[in-house]
Protein backbone atom coordinates (compact mmCIF):
# COMPACT_ATOMS: atom_id res chain seq x y z
CA MET A 1 -26.68 19.37 6.23
CA THR A 2 -27.04 19.25 2.44
CA THR A 3 -27.08 15.80 0.85
CA LEU A 4 -26.01 15.50 -2.77
CA PRO A 5 -28.03 13.28 -5.10
CA GLN A 6 -26.30 9.94 -5.70
CA SER A 7 -25.34 10.82 -9.28
CA ALA A 8 -23.89 14.20 -8.25
CA ALA A 9 -21.99 12.61 -5.36
CA GLY A 10 -20.56 10.01 -7.76
CA ILE A 11 -19.40 12.69 -10.18
CA SER A 12 -17.77 14.68 -7.37
CA LEU A 13 -15.70 11.63 -6.41
CA PHE A 14 -14.00 11.78 -9.81
CA THR A 15 -13.69 15.56 -10.16
CA PRO A 16 -9.97 16.39 -10.44
CA LYS A 17 -8.62 18.65 -7.72
CA LEU A 18 -7.39 21.00 -10.45
CA VAL A 19 -11.02 21.73 -11.35
CA THR A 20 -11.87 22.25 -7.68
CA ALA A 21 -8.93 24.65 -7.23
CA LEU A 22 -9.87 26.68 -10.32
CA ARG A 23 -13.49 26.93 -9.18
CA GLU A 24 -12.30 28.49 -5.93
CA GLY A 25 -10.75 31.34 -7.90
CA TYR A 26 -7.19 31.21 -9.12
CA SER A 27 -5.30 34.45 -8.59
CA LEU A 28 -1.93 35.70 -9.80
CA ALA A 29 -0.59 35.33 -6.27
CA ARG A 30 -1.51 31.65 -6.24
CA LEU A 31 0.11 31.19 -9.66
CA ARG A 32 3.36 32.72 -8.35
CA ALA A 33 3.30 30.41 -5.32
CA ASP A 34 2.68 27.37 -7.51
CA ALA A 35 5.44 28.42 -9.93
CA VAL A 36 7.99 28.64 -7.09
CA ALA A 37 6.87 25.26 -5.75
CA GLY A 38 6.92 23.70 -9.22
CA LEU A 39 10.46 24.95 -9.88
CA THR A 40 11.62 23.70 -6.49
CA VAL A 41 10.22 20.22 -7.13
CA ALA A 42 11.63 20.15 -10.68
CA VAL A 43 15.11 20.86 -9.31
CA VAL A 44 14.71 17.90 -6.93
CA ALA A 45 13.16 15.65 -9.59
CA LEU A 46 15.81 16.21 -12.27
CA PRO A 47 18.65 14.15 -10.72
CA LEU A 48 16.30 11.69 -9.03
CA SER A 49 14.46 10.82 -12.24
CA MET A 50 17.70 10.08 -14.07
CA ALA A 51 19.15 8.07 -11.18
CA ILE A 52 16.00 5.94 -10.85
CA ALA A 53 15.91 5.28 -14.59
CA ILE A 54 19.54 4.14 -14.67
CA ALA A 55 19.04 1.90 -11.62
CA SER A 56 15.97 0.41 -13.35
CA GLY A 57 18.03 -0.65 -16.37
CA ALA A 58 16.87 2.18 -18.66
CA SER A 59 18.52 5.28 -20.07
CA PRO A 60 18.32 8.50 -17.99
CA ASP A 61 16.09 10.30 -20.48
CA ARG A 62 13.38 7.67 -19.83
CA GLY A 63 13.16 8.87 -16.24
CA LEU A 64 12.82 12.49 -17.34
CA VAL A 65 10.10 11.55 -19.85
CA THR A 66 8.23 9.77 -17.06
CA ALA A 67 8.41 12.79 -14.76
CA ILE A 68 7.29 15.13 -17.54
CA VAL A 69 4.45 13.12 -19.10
CA GLY A 70 3.36 11.07 -16.08
CA GLY A 71 3.68 14.03 -13.72
CA PHE A 72 1.57 16.20 -16.03
CA PHE A 73 -1.37 13.78 -16.14
CA VAL A 74 -1.20 13.03 -12.41
CA SER A 75 -1.58 16.75 -11.69
CA VAL A 76 -4.22 17.47 -14.34
CA LEU A 77 -6.52 14.54 -13.51
CA GLY A 78 -5.55 13.61 -9.94
CA GLY A 79 -7.56 13.65 -6.75
CA SER A 80 -4.85 15.34 -4.67
CA ARG A 81 -3.93 19.02 -4.69
CA PHE A 82 -0.26 18.37 -4.06
CA GLN A 83 0.62 14.98 -5.54
CA ILE A 84 3.74 14.96 -7.73
CA GLY A 85 3.97 12.06 -10.16
CA GLY A 86 7.06 10.53 -11.68
CA PRO A 87 9.41 7.55 -11.45
CA ALA A 88 9.79 6.19 -7.92
CA GLY A 89 12.57 4.29 -6.21
CA ALA A 90 10.10 1.68 -4.96
CA PHE A 91 9.68 0.44 -8.55
CA ILE A 92 13.36 -0.02 -9.40
CA VAL A 93 13.43 -3.72 -8.55
CA LEU A 94 10.16 -4.51 -10.31
CA VAL A 95 10.95 -2.45 -13.41
CA SER A 96 14.46 -3.89 -13.71
CA ALA A 97 13.19 -7.47 -13.42
CA THR A 98 10.42 -6.85 -15.96
CA ILE A 99 12.85 -5.36 -18.49
CA GLN A 100 15.20 -8.32 -18.04
CA ARG A 101 12.38 -10.83 -18.54
CA HIS A 102 10.46 -9.22 -21.40
CA GLY A 103 12.70 -6.55 -22.94
CA TYR A 104 11.90 -2.85 -22.90
CA ASP A 105 9.02 -3.21 -25.36
CA GLY A 106 7.46 -5.86 -23.13
CA PHE A 107 7.94 -3.59 -20.13
CA LEU A 108 6.08 -0.76 -21.92
CA LEU A 109 3.18 -3.13 -22.63
CA ALA A 110 3.14 -4.17 -18.95
CA THR A 111 3.10 -0.50 -17.93
CA MET A 112 0.10 0.20 -20.16
CA ILE A 113 -1.77 -2.80 -18.73
CA ALA A 114 -0.90 -1.66 -15.20
CA GLY A 115 -2.23 1.79 -16.08
CA LEU A 116 -5.50 0.36 -17.36
CA ALA A 117 -5.81 -1.80 -14.23
CA LEU A 118 -5.26 1.22 -11.97
CA ALA A 119 -7.84 3.27 -13.86
CA LEU A 120 -10.36 0.41 -13.69
CA THR A 121 -9.70 0.04 -9.95
CA GLY A 122 -10.54 3.71 -9.48
CA ILE A 123 -13.62 3.60 -11.72
CA LEU A 124 -14.97 0.62 -9.73
CA ARG A 125 -14.27 2.60 -6.52
CA LEU A 126 -11.93 -0.03 -5.13
CA GLY A 127 -9.27 2.47 -4.08
CA THR A 128 -10.63 2.49 -0.55
CA TYR A 129 -9.56 -1.12 -0.04
CA ILE A 130 -5.89 -0.51 -0.79
CA LYS A 131 -5.58 1.27 2.56
CA TYR A 132 -6.33 -2.04 4.31
CA ILE A 133 -2.85 -3.39 3.50
CA PRO A 134 -1.24 -3.84 6.95
CA HIS A 135 1.39 -1.34 8.01
CA PRO A 136 4.03 -4.03 8.69
CA VAL A 137 3.67 -5.13 5.06
CA THR A 138 4.35 -1.62 3.70
CA VAL A 139 7.33 -1.18 6.03
CA GLY A 140 8.63 -4.65 5.14
CA PHE A 141 8.56 -4.29 1.38
CA THR A 142 9.77 -0.67 1.48
CA SER A 143 12.76 -1.65 3.62
CA GLY A 144 13.41 -4.66 1.41
CA ILE A 145 13.37 -2.52 -1.71
CA ALA A 146 15.84 -0.12 -0.06
CA ILE A 147 18.27 -2.98 0.54
CA ILE A 148 18.00 -4.21 -3.05
CA ILE A 149 18.43 -0.73 -4.55
CA ALA A 150 21.43 -0.01 -2.32
CA ALA A 151 23.05 -3.28 -3.44
CA SER A 152 22.43 -2.36 -7.08
CA GLN A 153 24.38 0.88 -6.62
CA ILE A 154 27.56 -0.70 -5.25
CA ARG A 155 28.98 -1.12 -8.74
CA ASP A 156 28.76 2.59 -9.59
CA LEU A 157 29.60 3.78 -6.08
CA LEU A 158 32.93 1.94 -6.28
CA GLY A 159 33.43 2.23 -10.04
CA LEU A 160 33.76 -1.55 -10.42
CA THR A 161 34.41 -3.29 -13.71
CA LEU A 162 32.44 -6.55 -13.89
CA PRO A 163 33.48 -9.50 -16.07
CA ALA A 164 29.85 -10.20 -17.08
CA ALA A 165 26.35 -8.82 -16.66
CA GLU A 166 25.41 -8.02 -13.06
CA PRO A 167 22.98 -10.67 -11.68
CA ALA A 168 19.56 -9.47 -10.57
CA ALA A 169 19.22 -11.72 -7.49
CA LEU A 170 20.81 -10.30 -4.35
CA VAL A 171 23.07 -13.17 -3.27
CA PRO A 172 24.62 -13.82 -6.72
CA LYS A 173 24.93 -10.04 -7.19
CA LEU A 174 26.90 -9.64 -3.97
CA ALA A 175 29.10 -12.61 -4.92
CA VAL A 176 29.97 -11.07 -8.31
CA LEU A 177 30.55 -7.63 -6.78
CA GLY A 178 32.77 -9.13 -4.08
CA ALA A 179 34.84 -10.96 -6.67
CA SER A 180 35.33 -7.67 -8.57
CA LEU A 181 36.58 -5.56 -5.66
CA GLY A 182 40.04 -5.57 -7.17
CA SER A 183 38.76 -3.23 -9.92
CA VAL A 184 37.73 -0.41 -7.57
CA ASN A 185 38.13 3.05 -9.13
CA PRO A 186 39.50 5.43 -6.42
CA VAL A 187 38.18 8.48 -8.29
CA ALA A 188 34.66 7.06 -8.32
CA VAL A 189 34.89 6.28 -4.60
CA ILE A 190 36.02 9.83 -3.82
CA LEU A 191 33.24 11.30 -5.96
CA SER A 192 30.52 9.11 -4.41
CA LEU A 193 31.65 9.71 -0.82
CA SER A 194 32.02 13.45 -1.44
CA SER A 195 28.56 13.59 -3.00
CA ILE A 196 26.97 11.73 -0.08
CA GLY A 197 28.75 14.02 2.39
CA LEU A 198 27.65 17.12 0.50
CA ILE A 199 24.00 15.98 0.27
CA VAL A 200 23.82 15.03 3.95
CA GLY A 201 25.65 18.20 5.02
CA LEU A 202 23.38 20.49 3.03
CA ARG A 203 20.31 18.69 4.37
CA ARG A 204 21.41 19.50 7.91
CA LEU A 205 22.86 22.99 7.40
CA ARG A 206 20.73 24.28 4.50
CA PRO A 207 17.66 22.03 4.34
CA HIS A 208 15.92 24.27 1.77
CA TRP A 209 18.76 24.02 -0.72
CA PRO A 210 18.47 21.37 -3.50
CA GLY A 211 21.24 19.10 -2.24
CA PHE A 212 20.81 16.43 -4.93
CA LEU A 213 21.07 18.91 -7.80
CA ILE A 214 23.98 20.79 -6.23
CA ALA A 215 25.95 17.55 -5.73
CA VAL A 216 25.24 16.40 -9.29
CA ALA A 217 26.14 19.81 -10.77
CA ILE A 218 29.42 20.08 -8.86
CA ALA A 219 30.43 16.51 -9.74
CA GLY A 220 29.56 17.04 -13.41
CA LEU A 221 31.53 20.29 -13.49
CA ALA A 222 34.56 18.67 -11.84
CA THR A 223 34.44 15.73 -14.25
CA SER A 224 34.25 18.03 -17.26
CA VAL A 225 36.94 20.55 -16.15
CA PHE A 226 39.49 18.08 -14.76
CA GLY A 227 38.77 15.21 -17.14
CA LEU A 228 38.23 12.75 -14.29
CA SER A 229 38.56 9.10 -15.23
CA VAL A 230 35.06 7.93 -14.24
CA GLU A 231 32.08 6.55 -16.11
CA THR A 232 29.51 9.22 -16.99
CA ILE A 233 26.02 9.29 -18.46
CA GLY A 234 27.54 10.16 -21.83
CA SER A 235 30.10 7.35 -21.81
CA ARG A 236 27.47 4.71 -20.97
CA PHE A 237 24.33 6.00 -22.71
CA GLY A 238 25.53 8.49 -25.31
CA ALA A 239 23.83 11.80 -26.06
CA ILE A 240 20.53 12.70 -24.34
CA PRO A 241 17.67 13.72 -26.69
CA GLN A 242 16.67 17.39 -26.36
CA GLY A 243 12.91 16.90 -26.08
CA LEU A 244 10.18 14.31 -25.89
CA PRO A 245 10.10 11.37 -28.31
CA ALA A 246 7.12 10.82 -30.60
CA PRO A 247 4.39 8.69 -28.99
CA ALA A 248 4.18 5.10 -30.21
CA LEU A 249 2.45 1.88 -29.22
CA PRO A 250 4.59 -1.09 -28.13
CA ALA A 251 4.17 -4.40 -29.95
CA ILE A 252 0.90 -5.95 -28.76
CA SER A 253 -0.17 -9.58 -29.07
CA MET A 254 -2.27 -11.93 -26.97
CA THR A 255 0.78 -14.05 -26.23
CA LYS A 256 2.79 -11.05 -25.05
CA ILE A 257 -0.11 -9.77 -22.92
CA THR A 258 -0.32 -13.16 -21.18
CA GLU A 259 3.44 -13.15 -20.55
CA VAL A 260 3.62 -9.68 -19.01
CA LEU A 261 0.30 -9.79 -17.11
CA PRO A 262 1.73 -10.95 -13.73
CA ASP A 263 4.31 -8.14 -13.78
CA ALA A 264 1.67 -5.63 -14.88
CA LEU A 265 -0.62 -6.56 -11.98
CA ALA A 266 2.29 -6.35 -9.53
CA MET A 267 3.10 -2.86 -10.84
CA ALA A 268 -0.56 -1.83 -10.55
CA LEU A 269 -0.74 -3.04 -6.94
CA LEU A 270 2.48 -1.31 -5.92
CA GLY A 271 1.48 1.81 -7.86
CA GLY A 272 -1.83 2.04 -6.05
CA ILE A 273 -0.20 1.57 -2.65
CA GLU A 274 2.59 4.07 -3.30
CA SER A 275 0.31 6.72 -4.81
CA LEU A 276 -2.34 6.63 -2.10
CA LEU A 277 0.29 6.51 0.63
CA SER A 278 1.88 9.63 -0.88
CA ALA A 279 -1.54 11.34 -1.03
CA VAL A 280 -2.14 10.51 2.64
CA VAL A 281 1.21 12.08 3.55
CA ALA A 282 0.22 15.23 1.63
CA ASP A 283 -3.13 15.30 3.46
CA ALA A 284 -1.40 15.08 6.83
CA MET A 285 0.95 17.93 5.93
CA SER A 286 -1.68 20.23 4.39
CA GLY A 287 -4.90 19.43 6.25
CA ARG A 288 -6.65 18.63 2.95
CA ARG A 289 -8.31 15.39 1.82
CA HIS A 290 -7.62 13.57 -1.41
CA ARG A 291 -10.08 11.61 -3.59
CA SER A 292 -8.59 8.13 -3.69
CA ASN A 293 -10.52 6.71 -6.65
CA CYS A 294 -10.00 9.86 -8.72
CA GLU A 295 -6.30 9.60 -7.91
CA LEU A 296 -6.15 6.01 -9.16
CA VAL A 297 -7.85 6.95 -12.43
CA ALA A 298 -5.26 9.71 -12.89
CA GLN A 299 -2.38 7.36 -12.06
CA GLY A 300 -3.71 4.86 -14.59
CA THR A 301 -4.03 7.49 -17.31
CA ALA A 302 -0.54 8.81 -16.51
CA ASN A 303 0.99 5.36 -16.93
CA VAL A 304 -0.69 4.72 -20.27
CA ALA A 305 0.56 8.12 -21.46
CA ALA A 306 4.09 7.59 -20.09
CA ALA A 307 4.32 4.21 -21.82
CA LEU A 308 3.25 5.77 -25.13
CA PHE A 309 6.24 8.13 -24.86
CA GLY A 310 8.61 5.33 -23.86
CA GLY A 311 8.80 6.25 -20.17
CA LEU A 312 8.88 4.19 -16.99
CA ILE A 313 5.96 3.53 -14.69
CA ALA A 314 4.77 6.69 -12.93
CA THR A 315 3.37 6.97 -9.44
CA GLY A 316 2.89 9.50 -6.68
CA THR A 317 6.27 10.16 -5.06
CA ILE A 318 6.36 10.87 -1.35
CA ALA A 319 9.60 12.89 -1.23
CA ARG A 320 8.68 15.17 -4.15
CA THR A 321 5.09 15.55 -2.97
CA ALA A 322 6.28 16.55 0.51
CA THR A 323 8.72 19.01 -1.08
CA ASN A 324 5.82 20.48 -3.06
CA VAL A 325 3.76 21.06 0.09
CA ARG A 326 6.69 22.58 1.99
CA ALA A 327 7.50 24.85 -0.97
CA GLY A 328 4.09 26.53 -0.65
CA ALA A 329 2.06 24.93 -3.47
CA THR A 330 -1.63 25.85 -3.49
CA SER A 331 -3.03 23.65 -6.28
CA PRO A 332 -2.19 20.93 -8.84
CA MET A 333 -0.90 23.75 -11.06
CA ALA A 334 2.41 23.37 -9.18
CA GLY A 335 2.71 19.79 -10.47
CA ILE A 336 1.88 20.90 -14.02
CA LEU A 337 4.56 23.60 -13.84
CA HIS A 338 7.02 21.08 -12.41
CA SER A 339 6.56 19.04 -15.61
CA ALA A 340 6.95 22.17 -17.75
CA PHE A 341 10.21 23.14 -16.00
CA LEU A 342 11.60 19.62 -16.45
CA LEU A 343 10.79 19.77 -20.16
CA LEU A 344 12.58 23.11 -20.36
CA PHE A 345 15.62 21.66 -18.57
CA LEU A 346 15.66 18.74 -21.02
CA MET A 347 15.48 21.00 -24.06
CA VAL A 348 18.16 23.42 -22.84
CA ALA A 349 20.58 21.38 -20.74
CA ALA A 350 20.54 17.93 -22.38
CA PRO A 351 24.15 18.22 -23.67
CA LEU A 352 25.40 19.02 -20.15
CA ILE A 353 23.75 15.92 -18.67
CA ALA A 354 26.30 13.73 -20.46
CA TYR A 355 29.04 14.93 -18.06
CA ILE A 356 27.28 13.74 -14.90
CA PRO A 357 29.28 10.87 -13.31
CA LEU A 358 27.36 7.70 -12.52
CA ALA A 359 29.08 7.54 -9.13
CA THR A 360 27.27 10.72 -8.09
CA LEU A 361 23.88 9.45 -9.27
CA ALA A 362 24.56 6.26 -7.31
CA ALA A 363 25.31 8.46 -4.29
CA VAL A 364 21.93 10.18 -4.76
CA LEU A 365 20.17 6.81 -4.72
CA ALA A 366 22.21 5.65 -1.72
CA VAL A 367 20.83 8.60 0.27
CA VAL A 368 17.32 7.84 -1.03
CA CYS A 369 17.67 4.23 0.13
CA TRP A 370 18.79 5.34 3.58
CA ASN A 371 15.73 7.58 3.85
CA MET A 372 13.23 5.01 2.55
CA ALA A 373 14.47 2.13 4.73
CA GLU A 374 12.13 3.20 7.61
CA ARG A 375 14.60 1.94 10.21
CA HIS A 376 12.80 3.39 13.23
CA GLN A 377 9.44 1.94 12.25
CA PHE A 378 11.06 -1.41 11.43
CA LEU A 379 12.57 -1.66 14.91
CA ALA A 380 9.40 -0.38 16.58
CA ILE A 381 7.30 -3.12 14.94
CA LEU A 382 9.83 -5.78 15.95
CA ARG A 383 9.51 -4.66 19.58
CA GLN A 384 5.77 -4.11 19.51
CA SER A 385 4.24 -7.48 18.69
CA ARG A 386 5.43 -10.96 17.78
CA GLY A 387 2.61 -11.34 15.27
CA GLU A 388 3.34 -8.07 13.49
CA ALA A 389 7.06 -8.82 13.65
CA LEU A 390 6.39 -12.09 11.81
CA VAL A 391 4.43 -10.27 9.10
CA LEU A 392 7.18 -7.64 8.79
CA LEU A 393 10.07 -10.12 8.58
CA ALA A 394 8.27 -12.42 6.15
CA THR A 395 7.53 -9.53 3.80
CA PHE A 396 11.03 -8.09 4.15
CA LEU A 397 12.94 -11.35 3.63
CA ILE A 398 10.82 -12.58 0.72
CA THR A 399 11.13 -9.16 -0.95
CA VAL A 400 14.90 -9.17 -0.55
CA PHE A 401 15.63 -12.79 -1.47
CA ASP A 402 12.78 -13.76 -3.76
CA ASP A 403 10.24 -11.38 -5.27
CA LEU A 404 8.46 -8.15 -4.38
CA ALA A 405 4.97 -9.27 -5.45
CA THR A 406 5.33 -12.55 -3.53
CA GLY A 407 6.52 -10.65 -0.48
CA ILE A 408 3.47 -8.39 -0.52
CA ALA A 409 1.11 -11.32 -1.08
CA VAL A 410 2.57 -13.37 1.78
CA GLY A 411 2.58 -10.34 4.07
CA VAL A 412 -1.07 -9.54 3.35
CA VAL A 413 -2.12 -13.16 3.95
CA LEU A 414 -0.19 -13.37 7.23
CA GLY A 415 -1.56 -9.98 8.27
CA SER A 416 -5.10 -11.18 7.55
CA PHE A 417 -4.60 -14.28 9.69
CA LEU A 418 -3.17 -12.12 12.48
CA PHE A 419 -6.20 -9.82 12.27
CA MET A 420 -8.62 -12.74 12.39
CA HIS A 421 -6.82 -14.20 15.40
CA ARG A 422 -7.12 -10.90 17.21
CA MET A 423 -10.78 -10.63 16.33
CA THR A 424 -11.47 -14.05 17.86
CA GLN A 425 -10.07 -12.76 21.14
CA LEU A 426 -12.78 -10.09 21.17
CA VAL A 427 -15.61 -12.62 20.90
CA SER A 428 -16.98 -14.01 24.13
CA VAL A 429 -20.01 -15.98 25.26
CA THR A 430 -21.25 -14.96 28.69
CA ALA A 431 -23.64 -16.97 30.83
CA GLU A 432 -24.89 -15.44 34.04
CA GLU A 433 -21.93 -16.88 35.93
CA GLY A 434 -19.09 -15.78 33.62
CA ALA A 435 -17.63 -15.61 30.15
CA VAL A 436 -15.91 -17.98 27.79
CA THR A 437 -13.97 -16.32 24.98
CA ALA A 438 -13.72 -17.85 21.53
CA GLY A 439 -9.96 -18.14 22.02
CA GLU A 440 -10.53 -20.31 25.13
CA ALA A 441 -13.05 -22.61 23.51
CA ASP A 442 -10.58 -25.42 22.89
CA ARG A 443 -8.86 -25.36 26.28
CA PRO A 444 -9.16 -28.79 27.97
CA ASP A 445 -9.81 -27.24 31.38
CA ARG A 446 -12.95 -25.54 30.00
CA GLU A 447 -14.51 -28.79 28.80
CA THR A 448 -16.75 -29.60 31.75
CA GLU A 449 -20.44 -30.35 31.55
CA ALA A 450 -21.45 -27.59 33.93
CA ASP A 451 -19.31 -24.92 32.26
CA GLY A 452 -22.18 -23.29 30.44
CA TYR A 453 -24.89 -23.43 33.08
CA ASP A 454 -25.03 -23.27 36.84
CA PRO A 455 -28.58 -23.47 38.23
CA ALA A 456 -27.43 -22.06 41.56
CA VAL A 457 -26.68 -18.62 40.11
CA ASN A 458 -29.38 -18.27 37.43
CA SER A 459 -32.66 -16.55 38.11
CA SER A 460 -34.63 -19.54 36.92
CA ASP A 461 -33.83 -23.18 36.29
CA ASP A 462 -36.15 -22.99 33.29
CA ILE A 463 -34.32 -20.17 31.45
CA LEU A 464 -30.66 -19.91 30.54
CA VAL A 465 -29.36 -16.64 29.07
CA TYR A 466 -26.24 -16.51 26.93
CA ARG A 467 -24.84 -13.18 25.75
CA ILE A 468 -22.53 -13.26 22.74
CA SER A 469 -20.24 -10.25 22.33
CA GLY A 470 -18.13 -9.25 19.34
CA PRO A 471 -18.21 -9.79 15.57
CA LEU A 472 -19.24 -13.30 14.49
CA PHE A 473 -17.35 -14.29 11.36
CA PHE A 474 -15.77 -17.41 9.88
CA GLY A 475 -12.71 -17.05 12.09
CA VAL A 476 -14.76 -17.78 15.23
CA ALA A 477 -17.43 -19.99 13.68
CA ALA A 478 -15.80 -23.22 14.85
CA SER A 479 -15.56 -21.97 18.45
CA ILE A 480 -19.06 -20.59 19.04
CA GLY A 481 -20.90 -23.89 18.68
CA PRO A 482 -18.88 -25.88 21.25
CA ILE A 483 -19.19 -23.07 23.79
CA LEU A 484 -22.98 -22.92 23.47
CA GLU A 485 -23.28 -26.70 23.72
CA ARG A 486 -21.65 -26.86 27.19
CA ILE A 487 -24.88 -27.08 29.08
CA GLY A 488 -25.36 -29.56 31.88
CA PRO A 489 -29.00 -30.16 32.95
CA TYR A 490 -30.77 -28.57 30.00
CA PRO A 491 -33.17 -25.70 30.77
CA ARG A 492 -36.56 -25.41 29.16
CA THR A 493 -35.57 -22.25 27.24
CA VAL A 494 -32.22 -20.89 26.05
CA VAL A 495 -32.08 -17.15 25.34
CA ILE A 496 -29.20 -16.01 23.10
CA ASP A 497 -28.61 -12.28 23.58
CA LEU A 498 -27.01 -10.75 20.45
CA SER A 499 -27.23 -7.11 21.52
CA ASP A 500 -23.41 -6.81 21.44
CA VAL A 501 -22.96 -8.49 18.06
CA PRO A 502 -22.38 -5.86 15.33
CA LEU A 503 -22.17 -8.32 12.43
CA VAL A 504 -22.42 -11.98 11.52
CA ASP A 505 -21.39 -13.85 8.40
CA SER A 506 -22.84 -17.02 6.90
CA SER A 507 -20.16 -19.32 8.40
CA ALA A 508 -20.84 -18.14 11.95
CA ALA A 509 -24.62 -18.20 11.34
CA ARG A 510 -24.36 -21.80 10.12
CA SER A 511 -22.35 -22.75 13.23
CA LEU A 512 -24.96 -21.09 15.43
CA LYS A 513 -27.70 -23.00 13.58
CA THR A 514 -25.91 -26.29 14.34
CA ALA A 515 -25.72 -25.38 18.04
CA VAL A 516 -29.42 -24.43 18.09
CA ASP A 517 -30.34 -27.74 16.45
CA GLY A 518 -28.44 -29.53 19.22
CA MET A 519 -30.28 -27.57 21.90
CA ARG A 520 -33.65 -28.33 20.33
CA ALA A 521 -32.74 -32.02 20.08
CA LYS A 522 -32.35 -32.01 23.89
CA GLY A 523 -35.75 -30.43 24.37
CA ALA A 524 -34.87 -26.75 24.77
CA GLU A 525 -36.66 -23.88 23.03
CA VAL A 526 -34.39 -21.09 21.71
CA VAL A 527 -35.10 -17.36 21.72
CA ILE A 528 -32.74 -14.87 20.03
CA ALA A 529 -32.83 -11.43 21.65
CA ALA A 530 -31.84 -7.95 20.45
CA ALA A 531 -30.38 -8.97 17.09
CA GLU A 532 -29.67 -6.06 14.75
CA PRO A 533 -31.70 -6.11 11.51
CA GLN A 534 -28.69 -7.02 9.35
CA VAL A 535 -27.68 -9.75 11.82
CA ARG A 536 -31.22 -11.16 11.88
CA ARG A 537 -31.33 -11.18 8.09
CA VAL A 538 -28.18 -13.35 7.81
CA LEU A 539 -29.39 -15.70 10.55
CA LYS A 540 -32.72 -16.23 8.80
CA GLN A 541 -30.96 -16.93 5.51
CA GLU A 542 -29.13 -19.79 7.25
CA GLY A 543 -32.35 -21.29 8.65
CA LEU A 544 -32.61 -19.58 12.05
CA LYS A 545 -36.23 -18.49 11.69
CA PRO A 546 -39.52 -19.49 13.29
CA PRO A 547 -40.34 -22.14 14.33
CA VAL A 548 -36.66 -23.12 14.76
CA VAL A 549 -36.09 -20.02 16.93
CA ARG A 550 -38.15 -17.11 18.15
CA TYR A 551 -36.97 -13.50 18.06
CA ALA A 552 -37.45 -10.82 20.72
CA PRO A 553 -36.48 -7.13 20.55
CA GLY A 554 -34.66 -7.22 23.89
CA LEU A 555 -33.61 -9.41 26.79
CA ALA A 556 -36.61 -8.57 28.97
CA ALA A 557 -38.96 -9.35 26.11
CA ALA A 558 -37.13 -12.62 25.47
CA ARG A 559 -37.57 -13.66 29.13
CA ALA A 560 -41.26 -12.77 28.94
CA VAL A 561 -41.66 -14.81 25.76
CA ALA A 562 -39.90 -17.76 27.41
CA ILE A 563 -42.17 -17.59 30.48
CA THR A 564 -45.53 -17.00 28.76
CA GLU A 565 -44.99 -19.46 25.91
CA ALA A 566 -43.30 -22.21 27.90
CA PRO A 567 -45.27 -25.50 28.03
CA ALA A 568 -46.87 -26.38 31.33
CA ALA A 569 -44.85 -28.56 33.66
CA ALA A 570 -45.66 -32.23 33.43
C-alpha cells in the first residue's frame, strides 16, 4: 500500500473533483453525457430557483443569479463529482428573516460572512465534525422548515389579498391568512391545484419529464393567452433583467458586521449540513466519495461570489444533485454546464418569465415541501426511541414556533446528552462475583458494604480484581468512584483491569484518582493492569503514577506483582 507524504495528502484533500475528472481523461462522449445531465438539471432548477427566491422575500432573478454564479463555483472548486449548487428550500425561513431584520444589503453581507466561515471551516478540516449532528435533529429541522415554507405559500396558492404585510411568525401568519380567506381568488386556486395535480401526475406516469417546468410553462401560457386575472411575476416584480448584474460589494461596517453575525453563522451551519448531506446522497447513488473539506471551501467561495452578484445563499441541493446523478453525469462539468444553460435561459427567455403566475410557483414549492417533510423518517423516530423522539420534537417545535438556529442548537445539545446517557450504560465495573454498571451506581439497593467484594468467591483474600469496561469520560466520572469504593473487608491489593477501556478523559481519570486515594487510605495497594498507552498517559497526568499506583502489562502480571511485592503478614 502506497502512503502519500503528509503534505501531498493534505493537498489531495483540497483538490477539486473537476481536476481529478480531467486527469482521468475527458472524452467527447463524457462531455455529451455531462451536457445532457446539465441541461436536465437546468430545466429543473429554473422554476425552483425563482420560486425559492420569491418565498425568501427576494425577486425571482436573485434565485437564478444564485444558481448560475453559486452553482458554477460549487462545480469548479467542489469536492463532489455530482454536487449541484444553488438556492435551497431549507434556507427560505432563514433568508427571509435575515432580509426582514437587516434589509437586503445586510443579508448580502451576512451571506459573505457565512461564505468566509464555511471556507475557513474547510481549510481547518472541520468538515468531518458536521456529520456528527444527530439524525433526529436533521429530520426535525427539515420537517419544521417544510411546515413554515408551506404556510408561507398559502397566500399565493389561494390568491389572497392581505390588508398589511404578512407576519413572519407562524401563528400570527396563520391568523392573518385566516382573516383574509374572504379574498380568495378562484382562478389562483384552480391554477395552483391544477399545477400540483400535473406535477404529481407526471412524476408518477412520466418520472423523467421535467414536471416543474412543464407546469410553469403551461400556466404561464394560459395566463398570457386567456388574460387570467391572477398575480404574476411581472405584476409583482416587474421586468426580469436579461443577464447577470455587475458585481458589487454590500455596505460594510463593523457595526453592521456585528449585527448580522448571528444570522451569518446560522447560515454557515445550515449550509455546511445541507451541502455535506447532499454530497453523501450523491455518494450513495454513484458509489463515489466526496472530499468534505474541499466541498466546504467551494461552498464558501460560491457564497462570497453569489453575494457579490446580489444573489441568495448557495448550497448543495439534494433534489438537483440526485437529478444530476440519475441523468448520467460523469463529472463536475455537468454542474458547470447547468449554470451555462441557466444563463442562456435568462438571456433569451427573461421577457417570458413575467407571465408566470405566482400561484403556480407556490404549487411548485408546495410539492417541494411535501417531499422534504421526511414524514416516514419522522414517524419512525417517534416509534423507535423516547430519547430520540424528544430530540426530534424539540428541534421540530422550536424550529416551527421560534427559530431555526435555536432549534438546531437545542437539538444538538439534547442529542449529546442522550448519547452520553447511552454511553454510561456501556460502562461497567466487574468484580469476580458480578458487574455493576455506571447507570446502576446510584441505585439504593446496590449500596451495601459487601457489594464490591466477596471473599468467598475470590481466589485470594489478599487480592481483589476489578475490571472496568467501556469508555471512561466525564459522563460516567461521578459513578466510577462510588462503585470502586464499595469494598467491605479491604484486601491487601486492589487490581484495576483496564484492558476493556478504549479511552479515558481527565474527568474520569480524576474520579479514579479519588477512588484510589480512598483505597490507599484504608491500607490497600493499587495495581493498574493492561492500560492502553493513551489511557496510561492521561491517568499519569492526573497523578496516577508510581508510587501512588503500580502498572502491569496484563492481569496475570498484576497478580504476580501483587503477590511478590506484598508486605509480609504481621
